[in-house]
Amino acid sequence: MLRLRSTRFGAPLRSFTGSTLRQSVEKFDAIAAANFKSVAHLFQALKAARDQANRNSSEALKTGLISQQLMPIKVLAGTSDSEYA
């Protein structure tokens, strides 16, 4: 478990485990692979999941895990031609 501490007071800011980050990324992946009713709804849900995953990772790792460019790639990777035939 990684504990972040404020530099001024030495108090824990938030505790993270690898599973916290993994769950955030898995939620993003599940949204990207799910059926959606509109493109706007899909990207709104993906942005919320991406923002949460990046908040978690930036506090723990000092970098974001999911880039904005990855969102459409994940959506396209989760679709197949047979779904539209």
N, C-alpha and C. Protein backbone atom coordinates (compact mmCIF):
# COMPACT_ATOMS: atom_id res chain seq x y z
N MET A 1 0.84 -1.16 0.00
CA MET A 1 0.00 0.00 0.00
C MET A 1 0.89 1.23 0.00
N LEU A 2 0.53 2.16 -0.82
CA LEU A 2 1.27 3.41 -0.92
C LEU A 2 0.53 4.48 -0.13
N ARG A 3 1.22 5.12 0.78
CA ARG A 3 0.60 6.20 1.56
C ARG A 3 1.23 7.51 1.11
N LEU A 4 0.38 8.43 0.73
CA LEU A 4 0.85 9.75 0.36
C LEU A 4 0.78 10.65 1.58
N ARG A 5 1.78 11.46 1.75
CA ARG A 5 1.81 12.37 2.91
C ARG A 5 1.96 13.80 2.42
N SER A 6 1.28 14.70 3.11
CA SER A 6 1.46 16.11 2.75
C SER A 6 2.87 16.50 3.18
N THR A 7 3.51 17.32 2.39
CA THR A 7 4.89 17.70 2.69
C THR A 7 4.96 18.64 3.88
N ARG A 8 3.88 19.35 4.14
CA ARG A 8 3.93 20.34 5.21
C ARG A 8 3.65 19.74 6.58
N PHE A 9 2.65 18.88 6.67
CA PHE A 9 2.24 18.38 7.98
C PHE A 9 2.57 16.90 8.20
N GLY A 10 2.92 16.17 7.15
CA GLY A 10 3.25 14.77 7.30
C GLY A 10 2.05 13.87 7.54
N ALA A 11 0.86 14.39 7.36
CA ALA A 11 -0.36 13.59 7.56
C ALA A 11 -0.72 12.87 6.27
N PRO A 12 -1.27 11.67 6.37
CA PRO A 12 -1.66 10.95 5.15
C PRO A 12 -2.73 11.72 4.38
N LEU A 13 -2.51 11.88 3.09
CA LEU A 13 -3.53 12.50 2.24
C LEU A 13 -4.56 11.46 1.80
N ARG A 14 -4.08 10.33 1.37
CA ARG A 14 -4.97 9.27 0.90
C ARG A 14 -4.15 8.00 0.75
N SER A 15 -4.75 6.88 1.04
CA SER A 15 -4.07 5.60 0.87
C SER A 15 -4.55 4.95 -0.42
N PHE A 16 -3.62 4.37 -1.15
CA PHE A 16 -3.94 3.70 -2.40
C PHE A 16 -3.37 2.30 -2.38
N THR A 17 -4.06 1.44 -3.06
CA THR A 17 -3.53 0.12 -3.33
C THR A 17 -3.53 -0.06 -4.84
N GLY A 18 -2.84 -1.04 -5.30
CA GLY A 18 -2.86 -1.34 -6.72
C GLY A 18 -4.26 -1.67 -7.21
N SER A 19 -5.07 -2.25 -6.33
CA SER A 19 -6.42 -2.61 -6.74
C SER A 19 -7.29 -1.38 -6.98
N THR A 20 -7.03 -0.28 -6.28
CA THR A 20 -7.79 0.96 -6.51
C THR A 20 -7.57 1.44 -7.94
N LEU A 21 -6.33 1.46 -8.37
CA LEU A 21 -6.02 1.88 -9.73
C LEU A 21 -6.55 0.88 -10.74
N ARG A 22 -6.40 -0.39 -10.46
CA ARG A 22 -6.89 -1.43 -11.37
C ARG A 22 -8.39 -1.33 -11.54
N GLN A 23 -9.12 -1.13 -10.44
CA GLN A 23 -10.58 -1.02 -10.53
C GLN A 23 -10.99 0.18 -11.37
N SER A 24 -10.28 1.28 -11.25
CA SER A 24 -10.60 2.47 -12.05
C SER A 24 -10.40 2.19 -13.54
N VAL A 25 -9.32 1.53 -13.88
CA VAL A 25 -9.04 1.21 -15.28
C VAL A 25 -10.02 0.15 -15.79
N GLU A 26 -10.36 -0.84 -14.96
CA GLU A 26 -11.33 -1.85 -15.37
C GLU A 26 -12.70 -1.24 -15.62
N LYS A 27 -13.09 -0.26 -14.83
CA LYS A 27 -14.36 0.43 -15.04
C LYS A 27 -14.34 1.14 -16.39
N PHE A 28 -13.24 1.81 -16.70
CA PHE A 28 -13.09 2.48 -18.00
C PHE A 28 -13.21 1.46 -19.13
N ASP A 29 -12.52 0.33 -19.01
CA ASP A 29 -12.57 -0.71 -20.04
C ASP A 29 -13.98 -1.26 -20.21
N ALA A 30 -14.70 -1.47 -19.11
CA ALA A 30 -16.06 -2.00 -19.17
C ALA A 30 -16.99 -1.03 -19.90
N ILE A 31 -16.84 0.25 -19.64
CA ILE A 31 -17.67 1.25 -20.32
C ILE A 31 -17.36 1.26 -21.81
N ALA A 32 -16.09 1.18 -22.17
CA ALA A 32 -15.69 1.20 -23.58
C ALA A 32 -16.21 -0.01 -24.33
N ALA A 33 -16.33 -1.15 -23.66
CA ALA A 33 -16.77 -2.38 -24.30
C ALA A 33 -18.29 -2.57 -24.28
N ALA A 34 -19.00 -1.78 -23.49
CA ALA A 34 -20.44 -1.96 -23.33
C ALA A 34 -21.20 -1.38 -24.52
N ASN A 35 -22.44 -1.86 -24.67
CA ASN A 35 -23.34 -1.26 -25.65
C ASN A 35 -23.76 0.11 -25.12
N PHE A 36 -23.95 1.04 -26.01
CA PHE A 36 -24.31 2.39 -25.58
C PHE A 36 -25.44 2.91 -26.45
N LYS A 37 -26.24 3.82 -25.86
CA LYS A 37 -27.40 4.33 -26.60
C LYS A 37 -27.06 5.50 -27.50
N SER A 38 -26.01 6.23 -27.21
CA SER A 38 -25.57 7.32 -28.08
C SER A 38 -24.07 7.55 -27.88
N VAL A 39 -23.45 8.10 -28.89
CA VAL A 39 -22.02 8.39 -28.81
C VAL A 39 -21.75 9.43 -27.72
N ALA A 40 -22.64 10.41 -27.62
CA ALA A 40 -22.46 11.44 -26.59
C ALA A 40 -22.51 10.83 -25.19
N HIS A 41 -23.45 9.91 -24.97
CA HIS A 41 -23.56 9.24 -23.67
C HIS A 41 -22.32 8.41 -23.39
N LEU A 42 -21.84 7.70 -24.40
CA LEU A 42 -20.64 6.87 -24.25
C LEU A 42 -19.43 7.72 -23.83
N PHE A 43 -19.17 8.79 -24.56
CA PHE A 43 -17.99 9.59 -24.26
C PHE A 43 -18.12 10.36 -22.95
N GLN A 44 -19.34 10.68 -22.56
CA GLN A 44 -19.55 11.32 -21.26
C GLN A 44 -19.18 10.34 -20.14
N ALA A 45 -19.64 9.09 -20.28
CA ALA A 45 -19.32 8.06 -19.27
C ALA A 45 -17.82 7.75 -19.28
N LEU A 46 -17.22 7.66 -20.47
CA LEU A 46 -15.78 7.39 -20.56
C LEU A 46 -14.96 8.51 -19.94
N LYS A 47 -15.36 9.75 -20.19
CA LYS A 47 -14.62 10.88 -19.62
C LYS A 47 -14.67 10.86 -18.10
N ALA A 48 -15.84 10.55 -17.53
CA ALA A 48 -15.96 10.48 -16.07
C ALA A 48 -15.07 9.38 -15.51
N ALA A 49 -15.07 8.20 -16.16
CA ALA A 49 -14.24 7.08 -15.70
C ALA A 49 -12.76 7.40 -15.88
N ARG A 50 -12.41 8.02 -17.01
CA ARG A 50 -11.01 8.40 -17.26
C ARG A 50 -10.53 9.42 -16.23
N ASP A 51 -11.36 10.41 -15.94
CA ASP A 51 -10.98 11.42 -14.96
C ASP A 51 -10.74 10.81 -13.58
N GLN A 52 -11.60 9.86 -13.19
CA GLN A 52 -11.43 9.20 -11.89
C GLN A 52 -10.14 8.38 -11.86
N ALA A 53 -9.91 7.61 -12.92
CA ALA A 53 -8.68 6.80 -12.98
C ALA A 53 -7.44 7.69 -12.97
N ASN A 54 -7.49 8.79 -13.69
CA ASN A 54 -6.34 9.69 -13.73
C ASN A 54 -6.14 10.42 -12.42
N ARG A 55 -7.22 10.75 -11.71
CA ARG A 55 -7.06 11.34 -10.37
C ARG A 55 -6.37 10.36 -9.45
N ASN A 56 -6.82 9.11 -9.47
CA ASN A 56 -6.20 8.09 -8.62
C ASN A 56 -4.74 7.89 -8.98
N SER A 57 -4.45 7.77 -10.26
CA SER A 57 -3.07 7.49 -10.67
C SER A 57 -2.16 8.70 -10.49
N SER A 58 -2.68 9.90 -10.70
CA SER A 58 -1.80 11.06 -10.57
C SER A 58 -1.40 11.29 -9.13
N GLU A 59 -2.28 10.99 -8.19
CA GLU A 59 -1.92 11.13 -6.78
C GLU A 59 -0.90 10.07 -6.37
N ALA A 60 -1.06 8.87 -6.89
CA ALA A 60 -0.18 7.78 -6.48
C ALA A 60 1.10 7.70 -7.32
N LEU A 61 0.97 7.92 -8.62
CA LEU A 61 2.10 7.70 -9.53
C LEU A 61 2.67 8.98 -10.12
N LYS A 62 2.04 10.10 -9.87
CA LYS A 62 2.45 11.40 -10.42
C LYS A 62 2.29 11.47 -11.93
N THR A 63 1.40 10.66 -12.49
CA THR A 63 1.08 10.70 -13.92
C THR A 63 -0.30 10.11 -14.14
N GLY A 64 -0.94 10.50 -15.23
CA GLY A 64 -2.23 9.92 -15.59
C GLY A 64 -2.04 8.61 -16.34
N LEU A 65 -3.00 7.72 -16.21
CA LEU A 65 -2.90 6.42 -16.89
C LEU A 65 -3.60 6.40 -18.24
N ILE A 66 -4.68 7.16 -18.37
CA ILE A 66 -5.51 7.07 -19.57
C ILE A 66 -5.50 8.42 -20.28
N SER A 67 -5.00 8.43 -21.50
CA SER A 67 -4.96 9.68 -22.27
C SER A 67 -6.28 9.88 -22.99
N GLN A 68 -6.52 11.10 -23.41
CA GLN A 68 -7.74 11.42 -24.15
C GLN A 68 -7.75 10.67 -25.49
N GLN A 69 -6.60 10.46 -26.08
CA GLN A 69 -6.51 9.76 -27.36
C GLN A 69 -6.85 8.28 -27.23
N LEU A 70 -6.71 7.73 -26.04
CA LEU A 70 -7.00 6.31 -25.84
C LEU A 70 -8.50 6.03 -25.86
N MET A 71 -9.33 7.00 -25.53
CA MET A 71 -10.78 6.77 -25.44
C MET A 71 -11.37 6.24 -26.76
N PRO A 72 -11.19 6.92 -27.90
CA PRO A 72 -11.78 6.37 -29.13
C PRO A 72 -11.12 5.07 -29.58
N ILE A 73 -9.86 4.90 -29.28
CA ILE A 73 -9.17 3.65 -29.64
C ILE A 73 -9.80 2.47 -28.90
N LYS A 74 -10.07 2.64 -27.60
CA LYS A 74 -10.69 1.56 -26.82
C LYS A 74 -12.08 1.23 -27.35
N VAL A 75 -12.83 2.26 -27.74
CA VAL A 75 -14.17 2.03 -28.28
C VAL A 75 -14.09 1.25 -29.58
N LEU A 76 -13.21 1.68 -30.48
CA LEU A 76 -13.08 0.99 -31.76
C LEU A 76 -12.54 -0.43 -31.59
N ALA A 77 -11.66 -0.63 -30.64
CA ALA A 77 -11.11 -1.97 -30.39
C ALA A 77 -12.18 -2.90 -29.84
N GLY A 78 -13.18 -2.35 -29.17
CA GLY A 78 -14.24 -3.18 -28.58
C GLY A 78 -15.37 -3.50 -29.53
N THR A 79 -15.35 -2.96 -30.75
CA THR A 79 -16.40 -3.24 -31.72
C THR A 79 -15.85 -4.16 -32.80
N SER A 80 -16.74 -4.86 -33.44
CA SER A 80 -16.32 -5.72 -34.54
C SER A 80 -17.25 -5.49 -35.72
N ASP A 81 -16.81 -5.86 -36.91
CA ASP A 81 -17.63 -5.69 -38.11
C ASP A 81 -18.91 -6.50 -38.05
N SER A 82 -18.89 -7.64 -37.37
CA SER A 82 -20.07 -8.49 -37.30
C SER A 82 -21.22 -7.82 -36.56
N GLU A 83 -20.94 -6.87 -35.70
CA GLU A 83 -22.00 -6.17 -34.97
C GLU A 83 -22.81 -5.28 -35.89
N TYR A 84 -22.25 -4.89 -37.02
CA TYR A 84 -22.91 -3.96 -37.92
C TYR A 84 -23.34 -4.60 -39.22
N ALA A 85 -23.13 -5.89 -39.38
CA ALA A 85 -23.47 -6.60 -40.62
C ALA A 85 -24.94 -6.95 -40.67
